[in-house]
Each structure stands twice: as structure tokens, then as C-alpha cells.
Amino acid sequence: MKAPIILAVDTSDFDTAIAWIEATKDSVSVYKLGLEFYLNFGSVGVSRVISQTGAEIFLDLKLHDIPHTVASAAKAIEKLEPKFLTVHASGGMAMVKAAADAVPNVAVTAVTILTSLSEGDLSEIGYAGPALESAVALAKLAVGAGAKAIVCSPLETAAIRGAVGKGPIIITPGVRPLADVGADDQVRTMTPADAIAAGANYVVIGRPITKHWAVGASAMTAIARLMADEILSAIA
């Protein structure tokens, strides 16, 4: 059975991307293709992934520009029919609404506060409030503008769920198995099972799974299954 995992397919090699999907398809629900993949292979590459694997795609482009430009960019990828398309909630209500209106059949997904940012980073950038307060405000703004999903740190999930209700999908990166917490550039982290228990619909996992590719496809398949079973048992 598949778990509510979005696997971050962060690679510049097309064949590796396909292999990762094939190795984890029995455990993972959705696959995230981000800037690294998109800038290497473009919309044609995304289309090839979908046609070769049948995978549902989280297209993580984090669009952030004036409303007209974002609407045009969203419209340009509409034919790919990704399940999710990310924009930055900090682009404002008009920008998020422009994206949502441009692709009504795609879940426009608003990114609140990047999980790589600490409280100190937010202060340096100029945010008036702490991460929790800022993320909740951005989530409410985005949902009010038509976003169907929110990306936030797992540490903000419960508060955002309380603020936006049951309808919007909440997706949390920055989840790490206990052995991997603090091992990379994610600052505000939680275990996958705990993030789901806090109210997330999906968790984004990357290196804790993909690093096992160096050992072999079977190792990657096994760790994806292990993580999937851990999450499924926690939400049963």
C-alpha cells in the first residue's frame, strides 16, 4: 500500500529519475520534480516522466513574480496536469489568485516559510513575527486567494490546520527519520509519522530515501517501504 509520501526527485540525470520512481512506486504516492529537474529537462522532461511511469507529479517551481507573469507561467504548464504546482505565498493574494484562476484543475500549492530558514534568518530577512505566526498568516492569505494546498514546516502544521480548516491539503517537507534529524540543510524538522499525526496530508522525503540508491535499487525500495509502513501504521 502506498503512503502519503512525496518523493523529492532531486537529480540532474533523467534515467536516474525514472529509476527512482520505479524503485519506490509501490510505497510512494507522488513525485516532486523541482527546479533542478525542470531547468535540465523542461516541460518535455516532465511529460516524459509522466508517460513512462504514470506517476502523479508535484511540480515544485515556487513561482514568485507579478500576477500576470505567474498566471502565464502556470498556464504554460497546465497541459502537463501536475497534481500540485507551487507558488510562494509571500507573492501576495493577487499573485496566488492569478495562479489559481489560470489552472483551475491543478492544486495551486502555496509555500509559506521555507523549512531551511531559522528564526534568526526570518528576522534578518525582515519578517515582523516568528515562523509560526508568519506561516499561519501566509497560509490563511493563500487559501483565501484560492490555493488548494499549503506547504509548511511540520512544526507549523497543527496551527495552520486549525487556521484553514479541514479542506486545504497540507504538505510538509523538513521531515526526517530520527537517525537523520539535523543531518542536512533542513532546520525545522519532525519525523514523518509525527507530521502526519499533526495534521499533514503528505510529507516530502528526499535524501533519507534517495541516498540509498548508492547501495542499489533494492536498498532504496526497502527503505521506502520501511518509511511507508511506519507512516501507515501511525495513521491506521
Protein backbone atom coordinates (compact mmCIF):
# COMPACT_ATOMS: atom_id res chain seq x y z
CA MET A 1 0.00 0.00 0.00
CA LYS A 2 1.22 3.49 -0.86
CA ALA A 3 1.80 6.01 1.93
CA PRO A 4 1.20 9.77 1.71
CA ILE A 5 4.83 10.34 0.76
CA ILE A 6 6.01 12.79 -1.90
CA LEU A 7 9.47 11.72 -3.01
CA ALA A 8 11.82 14.57 -3.90
CA VAL A 9 13.39 13.53 -7.20
CA ASP A 10 16.36 15.87 -6.97
CA THR A 11 18.66 14.73 -9.75
CA SER A 12 20.12 16.06 -12.99
CA ASP A 13 20.08 12.62 -14.61
CA PHE A 14 16.87 11.68 -16.39
CA ASP A 15 17.42 7.93 -16.27
CA THR A 16 18.11 8.14 -12.55
CA ALA A 17 14.83 9.97 -12.02
CA ILE A 18 12.94 7.21 -13.82
CA ALA A 19 14.80 4.53 -11.86
CA TRP A 20 14.00 6.19 -8.52
CA ILE A 21 10.31 6.29 -9.38
CA GLU A 22 10.29 2.66 -10.48
CA ALA A 23 12.13 1.58 -7.33
CA THR A 24 9.64 3.27 -4.98
CA LYS A 25 6.32 3.23 -6.86
CA ASP A 26 4.73 0.68 -4.53
CA SER A 27 5.34 2.87 -1.46
CA VAL A 28 5.27 6.49 -2.69
CA SER A 29 2.13 8.37 -3.78
CA VAL A 30 3.52 11.46 -5.57
CA TYR A 31 6.87 12.56 -7.02
CA LYS A 32 8.33 16.05 -6.68
CA LEU A 33 10.13 17.48 -9.68
CA GLY A 34 11.77 20.77 -8.79
CA LEU A 35 13.91 23.47 -10.34
CA GLU A 36 16.94 21.23 -10.82
CA PHE A 37 14.96 18.77 -12.91
CA TYR A 38 12.87 21.39 -14.71
CA LEU A 39 15.83 23.55 -15.73
CA ASN A 40 17.62 20.50 -17.11
CA PHE A 41 14.72 18.86 -18.94
CA GLY A 42 11.87 21.37 -19.16
CA SER A 43 8.23 20.56 -19.69
CA VAL A 44 9.19 17.87 -22.21
CA GLY A 45 11.11 16.04 -19.49
CA VAL A 46 8.18 16.24 -17.08
CA SER A 47 5.88 14.92 -19.80
CA ARG A 48 8.26 12.02 -20.46
CA VAL A 49 8.35 11.11 -16.76
CA ILE A 50 4.56 11.01 -16.66
CA SER A 51 4.22 8.99 -19.85
CA GLN A 52 6.92 6.47 -18.88
CA THR A 53 5.89 5.95 -15.26
CA GLY A 54 2.32 7.14 -14.84
CA ALA A 55 3.46 8.99 -11.71
CA GLU A 56 1.49 11.82 -10.15
CA ILE A 57 3.67 14.92 -10.08
CA PHE A 58 4.29 17.69 -7.57
CA LEU A 59 5.80 20.37 -9.81
CA ASP A 60 7.85 22.44 -7.40
CA LEU A 61 8.66 25.62 -9.30
CA LYS A 62 7.85 28.06 -6.46
CA LEU A 63 6.58 30.73 -8.84
CA HIS A 64 7.02 34.26 -7.46
CA ASP A 65 6.53 37.26 -9.72
CA ILE A 66 3.89 39.82 -10.69
CA PRO A 67 0.41 38.27 -11.04
CA HIS A 68 0.30 38.40 -14.84
CA THR A 69 3.66 36.65 -15.21
CA VAL A 70 2.75 33.96 -12.69
CA ALA A 71 -0.59 33.35 -14.38
CA SER A 72 1.14 32.97 -17.74
CA ALA A 73 3.76 30.62 -16.29
CA ALA A 74 1.09 28.49 -14.63
CA LYS A 75 -0.89 28.36 -17.86
CA ALA A 76 2.23 27.24 -19.73
CA ILE A 77 2.46 24.03 -17.69
CA GLU A 78 -1.30 23.33 -17.50
CA LYS A 79 -1.08 20.69 -20.23
CA LEU A 80 1.24 18.63 -18.01
CA GLU A 81 -1.61 18.25 -15.50
CA PRO A 82 0.56 18.08 -12.38
CA LYS A 83 -1.25 17.19 -9.20
CA PHE A 84 0.40 20.13 -7.40
CA LEU A 85 2.10 23.34 -8.60
CA THR A 86 3.93 25.52 -6.06
CA VAL A 87 3.92 29.29 -5.76
CA HIS A 88 5.29 31.46 -2.95
CA ALA A 89 2.52 32.66 -0.65
CA SER A 90 4.66 35.74 0.04
CA GLY A 91 3.91 36.85 -3.53
CA GLY A 92 0.61 38.11 -2.17
CA MET A 93 -3.08 37.45 -2.59
CA ALA A 94 -3.34 38.79 -6.15
CA MET A 95 -0.46 36.62 -7.33
CA VAL A 96 -1.78 33.43 -5.73
CA LYS A 97 -5.25 34.13 -7.12
CA ALA A 98 -3.81 34.68 -10.59
CA ALA A 99 -2.17 31.25 -10.48
CA ALA A 100 -5.27 29.53 -9.11
CA ASP A 101 -7.50 31.14 -11.74
CA ALA A 102 -5.09 30.22 -14.54
CA VAL A 103 -5.04 26.48 -13.73
CA PRO A 104 -8.33 25.58 -12.02
CA ASN A 105 -7.73 21.84 -12.46
CA VAL A 106 -4.34 21.93 -10.74
CA ALA A 107 -3.90 22.24 -6.97
CA VAL A 108 -2.01 25.51 -6.69
CA THR A 109 0.15 24.98 -3.63
CA ALA A 110 1.36 27.94 -1.60
CA VAL A 111 4.74 27.73 0.10
CA THR A 112 4.71 29.59 3.43
CA ILE A 113 8.14 29.71 5.14
CA LEU A 114 10.99 27.61 3.74
CA THR A 115 11.98 24.86 6.15
CA SER A 116 15.66 25.76 5.69
CA LEU A 117 15.08 29.10 7.44
CA SER A 118 15.64 29.54 11.16
CA GLU A 119 14.02 32.17 13.37
CA GLY A 120 17.22 34.19 13.08
CA ASP A 121 17.06 34.02 9.29
CA LEU A 122 13.49 35.31 9.30
CA SER A 123 14.48 38.24 11.48
CA GLU A 124 17.34 39.11 9.14
CA ILE A 125 15.01 38.96 6.13
CA GLY A 126 12.62 41.34 7.82
CA TYR A 127 9.66 39.23 8.88
CA ALA A 128 7.84 41.02 11.69
CA GLY A 129 6.79 37.85 13.51
CA PRO A 130 8.23 34.43 14.29
CA ALA A 131 7.97 31.50 11.88
CA LEU A 132 4.74 30.11 13.34
CA GLU A 133 2.88 33.41 13.25
CA SER A 134 4.15 34.27 9.76
CA ALA A 135 3.38 30.83 8.32
CA VAL A 136 -0.18 30.87 9.65
CA ALA A 137 -0.80 34.34 8.21
CA LEU A 138 0.60 33.34 4.81
CA ALA A 139 -1.45 30.12 4.78
CA LYS A 140 -4.68 31.99 5.51
CA LEU A 141 -3.89 34.54 2.80
CA ALA A 142 -3.15 31.84 0.23
CA VAL A 143 -6.25 29.77 0.95
CA GLY A 144 -8.34 32.93 0.77
CA ALA A 145 -6.85 33.58 -2.67
CA GLY A 146 -7.75 30.11 -3.97
CA ALA A 147 -4.77 27.91 -3.13
CA LYS A 148 -5.86 24.31 -2.65
CA ALA A 149 -2.75 23.23 -0.79
CA ILE A 150 -0.18 24.65 1.60
CA VAL A 151 3.49 23.81 2.14
CA CYS A 152 4.75 24.43 5.66
CA SER A 153 7.17 23.13 8.25
CA PRO A 154 5.78 20.22 10.25
CA LEU A 155 6.22 22.39 13.33
CA GLU A 156 3.57 24.78 11.96
CA THR A 157 1.19 22.11 10.67
CA ALA A 158 -1.17 21.91 13.63
CA ALA A 159 -1.58 25.68 13.89
CA ILE A 160 -2.16 26.04 10.16
CA ARG A 161 -4.67 23.21 10.14
CA GLY A 162 -6.54 24.99 12.91
CA ALA A 163 -6.47 28.26 10.95
CA VAL A 164 -7.51 26.99 7.50
CA GLY A 165 -9.81 24.11 8.41
CA LYS A 166 -10.01 20.58 7.06
CA GLY A 167 -10.34 21.39 3.36
CA PRO A 168 -6.88 22.54 2.20
CA ILE A 169 -4.18 19.93 1.69
CA ILE A 170 -1.14 20.41 3.92
CA ILE A 171 2.23 19.21 2.64
CA THR A 172 5.25 19.17 4.92
CA PRO A 173 8.89 19.00 3.84
CA GLY A 174 11.51 19.00 6.56
CA VAL A 175 10.58 15.55 7.83
CA ARG A 176 13.37 13.23 8.84
CA PRO A 177 13.62 9.79 10.43
CA LEU A 178 15.18 10.12 13.88
CA ALA A 179 18.56 8.91 12.62
CA ASP A 180 18.67 11.71 10.03
CA VAL A 181 17.39 14.69 12.02
CA GLY A 182 19.90 17.55 11.80
CA ALA A 183 21.90 15.80 9.09
CA ASP A 184 21.35 18.34 6.28
CA ASP A 185 20.02 21.81 5.46
CA GLN A 186 16.55 21.40 6.93
CA VAL A 187 16.26 23.32 10.20
CA ARG A 188 12.66 22.95 11.41
CA THR A 189 12.11 19.18 11.29
CA MET A 190 9.91 16.38 12.62
CA THR A 191 9.56 12.66 11.95
CA PRO A 192 7.22 11.68 9.07
CA ALA A 193 4.73 9.87 11.31
CA ASP A 194 4.58 12.79 13.74
CA ALA A 195 3.99 15.24 10.89
CA ILE A 196 1.03 13.22 9.65
CA ALA A 197 -0.31 12.96 13.18
CA ALA A 198 -0.07 16.77 13.47
CA GLY A 199 -2.41 17.21 10.51
CA ALA A 200 -0.33 16.94 7.34
CA ASN A 201 -1.84 15.16 4.34
CA TYR A 202 1.52 14.45 2.69
CA VAL A 203 5.17 14.50 3.75
CA VAL A 204 8.02 15.29 1.38
CA ILE A 205 11.01 12.99 1.78
CA GLY A 206 14.16 13.14 -0.32
CA ARG A 207 17.66 12.21 0.76
CA PRO A 208 16.64 9.82 3.58
CA ILE A 209 15.32 7.61 0.76
CA THR A 210 17.33 8.59 -2.32
CA LYS A 211 20.75 8.30 -0.65
CA HIS A 212 20.20 4.54 -0.57
CA TRP A 213 20.37 4.47 -4.38
CA ALA A 214 24.16 4.38 -3.98
CA VAL A 215 23.76 0.91 -2.48
CA GLY A 216 21.30 -0.25 -5.11
CA ALA A 217 17.69 -0.21 -6.26
CA SER A 218 16.68 -2.93 -3.81
CA ALA A 219 18.02 -0.89 -0.88
CA MET A 220 16.05 2.14 -1.99
CA THR A 221 12.91 0.03 -2.41
CA ALA A 222 13.37 -1.40 1.07
CA ILE A 223 13.85 1.94 2.85
CA ALA A 224 10.87 3.48 1.04
CA ARG A 225 8.75 0.52 2.15
CA LEU A 226 10.01 0.84 5.71
CA MET A 227 9.13 4.53 5.88
CA ALA A 228 5.77 3.96 4.22
CA ASP A 229 4.85 1.24 6.70
CA GLU A 230 5.90 3.44 9.63
CA ILE A 231 3.60 6.23 8.42
CA LEU A 232 0.70 3.93 7.59
CA SER A 233 0.87 2.26 10.98
CA ALA A 234 0.83 5.65 12.69
CA ILE A 235 -2.32 6.79 10.89
CA ALA A 236 -4.19 3.48 10.96
